[in-house]
Amino acid sequence: MPQESHDDAARREFQEETGVKESLVQRVYSLRGRPVNPNDTYFVANSHKKEGVKFFGLSVKADEVELRRNSSDARLRVYKFKPDLQGQITEMNERINPAGIRFFHVDLLQNTSDGFTQIAIGKILRSFQI
């Protein structure tokens, strides 16, 4: 939407695409750092003018997730939203299945070749200063 901030757009898109309640939407937060220009072949963004792609996180509480796949190696465990939180997420035009939203250990995600995932991991780790 015109004149909409990155933060407002992220919250609006998250709510529109997942159907979550407002209380969960308010936990969407901007990851620190300037926006990025992941592919200057297609567009040029000036991060000093806050142009480019911003990354956002969602604060999820430990009691809102449960194990989907257990392992003695913590890096191999996979988590999912608990059913009561899944109930707040509806199928919208994006056809998001809340049971399909999974959380993986950062060590596993660091092995991906996806540039957006790599950037997001770096920003998340920086946010927590890990």
N, C-alpha and C. Protein backbone atom coordinates (compact mmCIF):
# COMPACT_ATOMS: atom_id res chain seq x y z
N MET A 1 0.85 -1.17 0.00
CA MET A 1 0.00 0.00 0.00
C MET A 1 0.90 1.24 0.00
N PRO A 2 0.49 2.27 -0.71
CA PRO A 2 1.31 3.49 -0.75
C PRO A 2 1.52 4.08 0.64
N GLN A 3 2.72 4.55 0.87
CA GLN A 3 3.10 5.21 2.13
C GLN A 3 3.05 4.29 3.34
N GLU A 4 2.94 3.00 3.13
CA GLU A 4 2.92 2.05 4.24
C GLU A 4 4.36 1.74 4.63
N SER A 5 4.65 1.72 5.92
CA SER A 5 6.01 1.40 6.36
C SER A 5 6.30 -0.08 6.15
N HIS A 6 7.59 -0.43 6.12
CA HIS A 6 7.98 -1.83 6.02
C HIS A 6 7.34 -2.63 7.16
N ASP A 7 7.40 -2.09 8.37
CA ASP A 7 6.87 -2.80 9.54
C ASP A 7 5.37 -3.04 9.40
N ASP A 8 4.63 -2.00 9.01
CA ASP A 8 3.18 -2.14 8.86
C ASP A 8 2.85 -3.14 7.75
N ALA A 9 3.61 -3.10 6.66
CA ALA A 9 3.37 -4.02 5.55
C ALA A 9 3.64 -5.46 5.98
N ALA A 10 4.69 -5.69 6.74
CA ALA A 10 5.01 -7.04 7.20
C ALA A 10 3.90 -7.58 8.10
N ARG A 11 3.41 -6.77 9.01
CA ARG A 11 2.34 -7.21 9.91
C ARG A 11 1.05 -7.47 9.12
N ARG A 12 0.73 -6.57 8.20
CA ARG A 12 -0.49 -6.73 7.40
C ARG A 12 -0.40 -8.01 6.55
N GLU A 13 0.72 -8.21 5.87
CA GLU A 13 0.88 -9.39 5.03
C GLU A 13 0.83 -10.67 5.86
N PHE A 14 1.47 -10.65 7.02
CA PHE A 14 1.46 -11.83 7.89
C PHE A 14 0.03 -12.17 8.29
N GLN A 15 -0.74 -11.16 8.66
CA GLN A 15 -2.12 -11.42 9.07
C GLN A 15 -2.98 -11.85 7.88
N GLU A 16 -2.82 -11.20 6.73
CA GLU A 16 -3.61 -11.55 5.56
C GLU A 16 -3.32 -12.97 5.08
N GLU A 17 -2.05 -13.36 5.11
CA GLU A 17 -1.67 -14.65 4.54
C GLU A 17 -1.83 -15.82 5.49
N THR A 18 -1.91 -15.54 6.79
CA THR A 18 -2.06 -16.64 7.74
C THR A 18 -3.39 -16.59 8.48
N GLY A 19 -4.01 -15.42 8.57
CA GLY A 19 -5.26 -15.30 9.28
C GLY A 19 -5.11 -15.31 10.79
N VAL A 20 -3.92 -15.06 11.30
CA VAL A 20 -3.70 -15.10 12.75
C VAL A 20 -4.41 -13.94 13.43
N LYS A 21 -4.60 -14.12 14.72
CA LYS A 21 -5.21 -13.07 15.52
C LYS A 21 -4.24 -11.91 15.71
N GLU A 22 -4.80 -10.76 16.01
CA GLU A 22 -4.02 -9.54 16.19
C GLU A 22 -2.91 -9.68 17.24
N SER A 23 -3.17 -10.44 18.31
CA SER A 23 -2.17 -10.58 19.37
C SER A 23 -0.87 -11.20 18.84
N LEU A 24 -0.97 -12.13 17.90
CA LEU A 24 0.22 -12.74 17.32
C LEU A 24 0.87 -11.81 16.30
N VAL A 25 0.07 -11.07 15.57
CA VAL A 25 0.59 -10.13 14.59
C VAL A 25 1.48 -9.08 15.26
N GLN A 26 1.12 -8.68 16.47
CA GLN A 26 1.89 -7.66 17.17
C GLN A 26 3.28 -8.14 17.57
N ARG A 27 3.54 -9.46 17.44
CA ARG A 27 4.86 -9.99 17.76
C ARG A 27 5.80 -10.04 16.56
N VAL A 28 5.35 -9.59 15.41
CA VAL A 28 6.22 -9.49 14.23
C VAL A 28 7.14 -8.29 14.47
N TYR A 29 8.43 -8.51 14.31
CA TYR A 29 9.37 -7.42 14.55
C TYR A 29 10.42 -7.37 13.45
N SER A 30 10.96 -6.20 13.24
CA SER A 30 11.98 -5.97 12.23
C SER A 30 13.33 -6.43 12.76
N LEU A 31 14.05 -7.21 11.95
CA LEU A 31 15.41 -7.61 12.33
C LEU A 31 16.33 -6.44 12.10
N ARG A 32 17.30 -6.29 12.95
CA ARG A 32 18.22 -5.15 12.87
C ARG A 32 19.00 -5.16 11.56
N GLY A 33 19.48 -4.00 11.20
CA GLY A 33 20.30 -3.87 10.00
C GLY A 33 19.54 -3.19 8.87
N ARG A 34 20.30 -2.72 7.92
CA ARG A 34 19.70 -2.04 6.77
C ARG A 34 19.06 -3.06 5.83
N PRO A 35 18.11 -2.60 5.00
CA PRO A 35 17.54 -3.47 3.98
C PRO A 35 18.65 -3.93 3.03
N VAL A 36 18.41 -5.04 2.34
CA VAL A 36 19.42 -5.58 1.43
C VAL A 36 18.95 -5.49 -0.01
N ASN A 37 19.91 -5.52 -0.91
CA ASN A 37 19.65 -5.54 -2.34
C ASN A 37 20.15 -6.89 -2.85
N PRO A 38 19.31 -7.94 -2.76
CA PRO A 38 19.78 -9.28 -3.04
C PRO A 38 20.12 -9.58 -4.50
N ASN A 39 19.62 -8.78 -5.42
CA ASN A 39 19.89 -9.06 -6.82
C ASN A 39 19.88 -7.76 -7.61
N ASP A 40 21.04 -7.12 -7.75
CA ASP A 40 21.07 -5.84 -8.44
C ASP A 40 20.94 -5.97 -9.96
N THR A 41 20.79 -7.20 -10.46
CA THR A 41 20.50 -7.40 -11.88
C THR A 41 19.10 -6.90 -12.19
N TYR A 42 18.18 -7.06 -11.25
CA TYR A 42 16.78 -6.72 -11.48
C TYR A 42 16.37 -5.37 -10.90
N PHE A 43 16.99 -4.96 -9.83
CA PHE A 43 16.68 -3.66 -9.27
C PHE A 43 17.85 -3.16 -8.44
N VAL A 44 17.91 -1.87 -8.27
CA VAL A 44 18.95 -1.27 -7.45
C VAL A 44 18.27 -0.60 -6.27
N ALA A 45 18.72 -0.92 -5.09
CA ALA A 45 18.13 -0.35 -3.88
C ALA A 45 19.22 0.36 -3.08
N ASN A 46 18.87 1.51 -2.55
CA ASN A 46 19.79 2.26 -1.72
C ASN A 46 19.40 2.02 -0.26
N SER A 47 20.18 1.20 0.44
CA SER A 47 19.83 0.85 1.81
C SER A 47 19.88 2.05 2.75
N HIS A 48 20.66 3.07 2.39
CA HIS A 48 20.70 4.27 3.24
C HIS A 48 19.37 5.03 3.20
N LYS A 49 18.61 4.83 2.12
CA LYS A 49 17.28 5.44 2.00
C LYS A 49 16.18 4.47 2.42
N LYS A 50 16.60 3.37 3.07
CA LYS A 50 15.68 2.32 3.54
C LYS A 50 14.97 1.62 2.40
N GLU A 51 15.62 1.59 1.23
CA GLU A 51 15.09 0.85 0.09
C GLU A 51 15.64 -0.57 0.15
N GLY A 52 14.96 -1.49 -0.49
CA GLY A 52 15.43 -2.87 -0.54
C GLY A 52 14.54 -3.80 0.27
N VAL A 53 15.06 -4.97 0.53
CA VAL A 53 14.30 -6.01 1.23
C VAL A 53 14.63 -5.97 2.72
N LYS A 54 13.60 -5.85 3.54
CA LYS A 54 13.78 -5.90 4.99
C LYS A 54 13.41 -7.29 5.46
N PHE A 55 13.96 -7.69 6.58
CA PHE A 55 13.69 -9.01 7.15
C PHE A 55 13.01 -8.85 8.49
N PHE A 56 12.05 -9.75 8.76
CA PHE A 56 11.26 -9.69 9.96
C PHE A 56 11.26 -11.02 10.67
N GLY A 57 11.09 -10.99 11.96
CA GLY A 57 10.99 -12.19 12.77
C GLY A 57 9.63 -12.24 13.44
N LEU A 58 9.32 -13.38 14.00
CA LEU A 58 8.10 -13.55 14.78
C LEU A 58 8.52 -14.15 16.11
N SER A 59 8.19 -13.46 17.18
CA SER A 59 8.51 -13.95 18.51
C SER A 59 7.55 -15.08 18.87
N VAL A 60 8.10 -16.28 19.02
CA VAL A 60 7.30 -17.45 19.36
C VAL A 60 7.73 -17.93 20.74
N LYS A 61 6.76 -18.15 21.61
CA LYS A 61 7.06 -18.58 22.98
C LYS A 61 7.24 -20.09 23.03
N ALA A 62 8.06 -20.55 23.94
CA ALA A 62 8.36 -21.98 24.07
C ALA A 62 7.10 -22.82 24.28
N ASP A 63 6.13 -22.26 25.01
CA ASP A 63 4.91 -23.05 25.27
C ASP A 63 3.92 -23.03 24.09
N GLU A 64 4.30 -22.40 22.98
CA GLU A 64 3.45 -22.37 21.80
C GLU A 64 3.88 -23.40 20.75
N VAL A 65 5.00 -24.08 21.00
CA VAL A 65 5.48 -25.07 20.04
C VAL A 65 5.66 -26.42 20.72
N GLU A 66 5.65 -27.47 19.91
CA GLU A 66 5.89 -28.82 20.41
C GLU A 66 6.76 -29.55 19.40
N LEU A 67 7.33 -30.65 19.84
CA LEU A 67 8.18 -31.43 18.95
C LEU A 67 7.37 -32.05 17.82
N ARG A 68 7.87 -31.92 16.62
CA ARG A 68 7.29 -32.62 15.48
C ARG A 68 8.14 -33.85 15.19
N ARG A 69 9.46 -33.69 15.34
CA ARG A 69 10.38 -34.82 15.17
C ARG A 69 11.44 -34.72 16.25
N ASN A 70 11.56 -35.76 17.08
CA ASN A 70 12.52 -35.76 18.17
C ASN A 70 13.82 -36.41 17.72
N SER A 71 14.88 -36.05 18.40
CA SER A 71 16.19 -36.65 18.14
C SER A 71 17.06 -36.41 19.36
N SER A 72 18.00 -37.33 19.60
CA SER A 72 18.93 -37.11 20.70
C SER A 72 19.87 -35.95 20.37
N ASP A 73 20.02 -35.64 19.08
CA ASP A 73 20.82 -34.50 18.63
C ASP A 73 19.87 -33.30 18.50
N ALA A 74 20.05 -32.31 19.37
CA ALA A 74 19.15 -31.15 19.39
C ALA A 74 19.07 -30.46 18.04
N ARG A 75 20.14 -30.51 17.26
CA ARG A 75 20.14 -29.86 15.95
C ARG A 75 19.18 -30.52 14.96
N LEU A 76 18.80 -31.76 15.22
CA LEU A 76 17.93 -32.48 14.30
C LEU A 76 16.46 -32.47 14.72
N ARG A 77 16.17 -31.85 15.86
CA ARG A 77 14.79 -31.76 16.31
C ARG A 77 14.04 -30.74 15.45
N VAL A 78 12.77 -31.04 15.21
CA VAL A 78 11.92 -30.15 14.44
C VAL A 78 10.70 -29.84 15.31
N TYR A 79 10.30 -28.59 15.36
CA TYR A 79 9.17 -28.15 16.17
C TYR A 79 8.05 -27.65 15.27
N LYS A 80 6.83 -27.61 15.83
CA LYS A 80 5.67 -27.06 15.13
C LYS A 80 4.81 -26.32 16.15
N PHE A 81 3.89 -25.49 15.64
CA PHE A 81 2.96 -24.82 16.53
C PHE A 81 2.07 -25.84 17.22
N LYS A 82 1.72 -25.59 18.48
CA LYS A 82 0.76 -26.43 19.20
C LYS A 82 -0.62 -26.24 18.58
N PRO A 83 -1.49 -27.24 18.73
CA PRO A 83 -2.83 -27.17 18.11
C PRO A 83 -3.62 -25.91 18.45
N ASP A 84 -3.52 -25.42 19.71
CA ASP A 84 -4.31 -24.23 20.05
C ASP A 84 -3.86 -23.01 19.26
N LEU A 85 -2.56 -22.90 18.98
CA LEU A 85 -2.08 -21.79 18.16
C LEU A 85 -2.39 -22.04 16.70
N GLN A 86 -2.31 -23.29 16.27
CA GLN A 86 -2.69 -23.61 14.89
C GLN A 86 -4.14 -23.20 14.63
N GLY A 87 -4.97 -23.31 15.66
CA GLY A 87 -6.37 -22.92 15.52
C GLY A 87 -6.55 -21.45 15.23
N GLN A 88 -5.55 -20.63 15.57
CA GLN A 88 -5.62 -19.21 15.29
C GLN A 88 -5.20 -18.91 13.85
N ILE A 89 -4.60 -19.88 13.20
CA ILE A 89 -4.10 -19.69 11.83
C ILE A 89 -5.06 -20.38 10.87
N THR A 90 -5.59 -19.64 9.95
CA THR A 90 -6.57 -20.20 9.02
C THR A 90 -5.98 -20.30 7.62
N GLU A 91 -6.58 -21.15 6.81
CA GLU A 91 -6.15 -21.22 5.41
C GLU A 91 -6.71 -20.00 4.69
N MET A 92 -5.82 -19.24 4.08
CA MET A 92 -6.22 -18.05 3.34
C MET A 92 -5.87 -18.28 1.87
N ASN A 93 -5.81 -17.21 1.08
CA ASN A 93 -5.50 -17.33 -0.33
C ASN A 93 -4.12 -17.92 -0.58
N GLU A 94 -3.22 -17.89 0.35
CA GLU A 94 -1.90 -18.49 0.19
C GLU A 94 -1.94 -19.98 0.50
N ARG A 95 -3.05 -20.47 1.02
CA ARG A 95 -3.22 -21.89 1.34
C ARG A 95 -2.16 -22.39 2.32
N ILE A 96 -1.95 -21.60 3.34
CA ILE A 96 -0.99 -22.00 4.37
C ILE A 96 -1.65 -23.00 5.30
N ASN A 97 -1.02 -24.12 5.47
CA ASN A 97 -1.49 -25.14 6.40
C ASN A 97 -0.70 -24.96 7.68
N PRO A 98 -1.32 -24.52 8.77
CA PRO A 98 -0.56 -24.25 9.99
C PRO A 98 0.22 -25.45 10.51
N ALA A 99 -0.26 -26.65 10.24
CA ALA A 99 0.47 -27.84 10.69
C ALA A 99 1.76 -28.01 9.90
N GLY A 100 1.84 -27.35 8.76
CA GLY A 100 3.03 -27.45 7.92
C GLY A 100 4.11 -26.44 8.27
N ILE A 101 3.82 -25.50 9.16
CA ILE A 101 4.82 -24.51 9.58
C ILE A 101 5.74 -25.18 10.58
N ARG A 102 7.00 -25.31 10.23
CA ARG A 102 7.97 -26.01 11.09
C ARG A 102 9.11 -25.08 11.46
N PHE A 103 9.76 -25.40 12.57
CA PHE A 103 10.90 -24.65 13.06
C PHE A 103 12.10 -25.57 13.13
N PHE A 104 13.19 -25.14 12.50
CA PHE A 104 14.39 -25.96 12.43
C PHE A 104 15.52 -25.27 13.20
N HIS A 105 16.48 -26.05 13.65
CA HIS A 105 17.65 -25.53 14.34
C HIS A 105 18.48 -24.70 13.37
N VAL A 106 19.04 -23.62 13.86
CA VAL A 106 19.82 -22.71 13.03
C VAL A 106 21.01 -23.42 12.38
N ASP A 107 21.58 -24.41 13.03
CA ASP A 107 22.71 -25.14 12.43
C ASP A 107 22.31 -25.81 11.13
N LEU A 108 21.09 -26.32 11.06
CA LEU A 108 20.62 -26.95 9.83
C LEU A 108 20.34 -25.92 8.76
N LEU A 109 19.74 -24.81 9.16
CA LEU A 109 19.40 -23.78 8.19
C LEU A 109 20.64 -23.14 7.58
N GLN A 110 21.73 -23.11 8.33
CA GLN A 110 22.95 -22.50 7.80
C GLN A 110 23.51 -23.29 6.63
N ASN A 111 23.07 -24.52 6.43
CA ASN A 111 23.54 -25.33 5.31
C ASN A 111 22.76 -25.09 4.03
N THR A 112 21.75 -24.24 4.06
CA THR A 112 20.96 -23.99 2.87
C THR A 112 21.72 -23.12 1.87
N SER A 113 21.36 -23.23 0.61
CA SER A 113 21.98 -22.39 -0.41
C SER A 113 21.11 -21.17 -0.72
N ASP A 114 19.97 -21.06 -0.03
CA ASP A 114 19.07 -19.94 -0.28
C ASP A 114 19.62 -18.66 0.35
N GLY A 115 19.86 -17.66 -0.47
CA GLY A 115 20.45 -16.41 0.00
C GLY A 115 19.59 -15.67 1.00
N PHE A 116 18.28 -15.64 0.77
CA PHE A 116 17.39 -14.95 1.72
C PHE A 116 17.44 -15.61 3.09
N THR A 117 17.46 -16.94 3.12
CA THR A 117 17.53 -17.65 4.40
C THR A 117 18.85 -17.34 5.09
N GLN A 118 19.94 -17.32 4.35
CA GLN A 118 21.25 -17.02 4.93
C GLN A 118 21.28 -15.62 5.54
N ILE A 119 20.74 -14.66 4.81
CA ILE A 119 20.71 -13.28 5.32
C ILE A 119 19.85 -13.21 6.58
N ALA A 120 18.69 -13.85 6.55
CA ALA A 120 17.79 -13.83 7.72
C ALA A 120 18.46 -14.47 8.93
N ILE A 121 19.16 -15.58 8.73
CA ILE A 121 19.86 -16.23 9.84
C ILE A 121 20.89 -15.29 10.44
N GLY A 122 21.67 -14.65 9.59
CA GLY A 122 22.67 -13.70 10.08
C GLY A 122 22.05 -12.58 10.89
N LYS A 123 20.94 -12.05 10.42
CA LYS A 123 20.28 -10.96 11.12
C LYS A 123 19.67 -11.44 12.45
N ILE A 124 19.12 -12.65 12.45
CA ILE A 124 18.57 -13.19 13.70
C ILE A 124 19.68 -13.40 14.72
N LEU A 125 20.79 -14.02 14.29
CA LEU A 125 21.89 -14.24 15.22
C LEU A 125 22.45 -12.92 15.73
N ARG A 126 22.52 -11.93 14.88
CA ARG A 126 23.00 -10.62 15.30
C ARG A 126 22.04 -10.00 16.31
N SER A 127 20.73 -10.19 16.09
CA SER A 127 19.73 -9.63 17.02
C SER A 127 19.90 -10.18 18.42
N PHE A 128 20.24 -11.47 18.50
CA PHE A 128 20.43 -12.10 19.79
C PHE A 128 21.89 -12.08 20.22
N GLN A 129 22.73 -11.52 19.35
CA GLN A 129 24.16 -11.43 19.57
C GLN A 129 24.75 -12.78 19.98
N ILE A 130 24.37 -13.80 19.17
CA ILE A 130 24.88 -15.16 19.40
C ILE A 130 26.22 -15.29 18.73
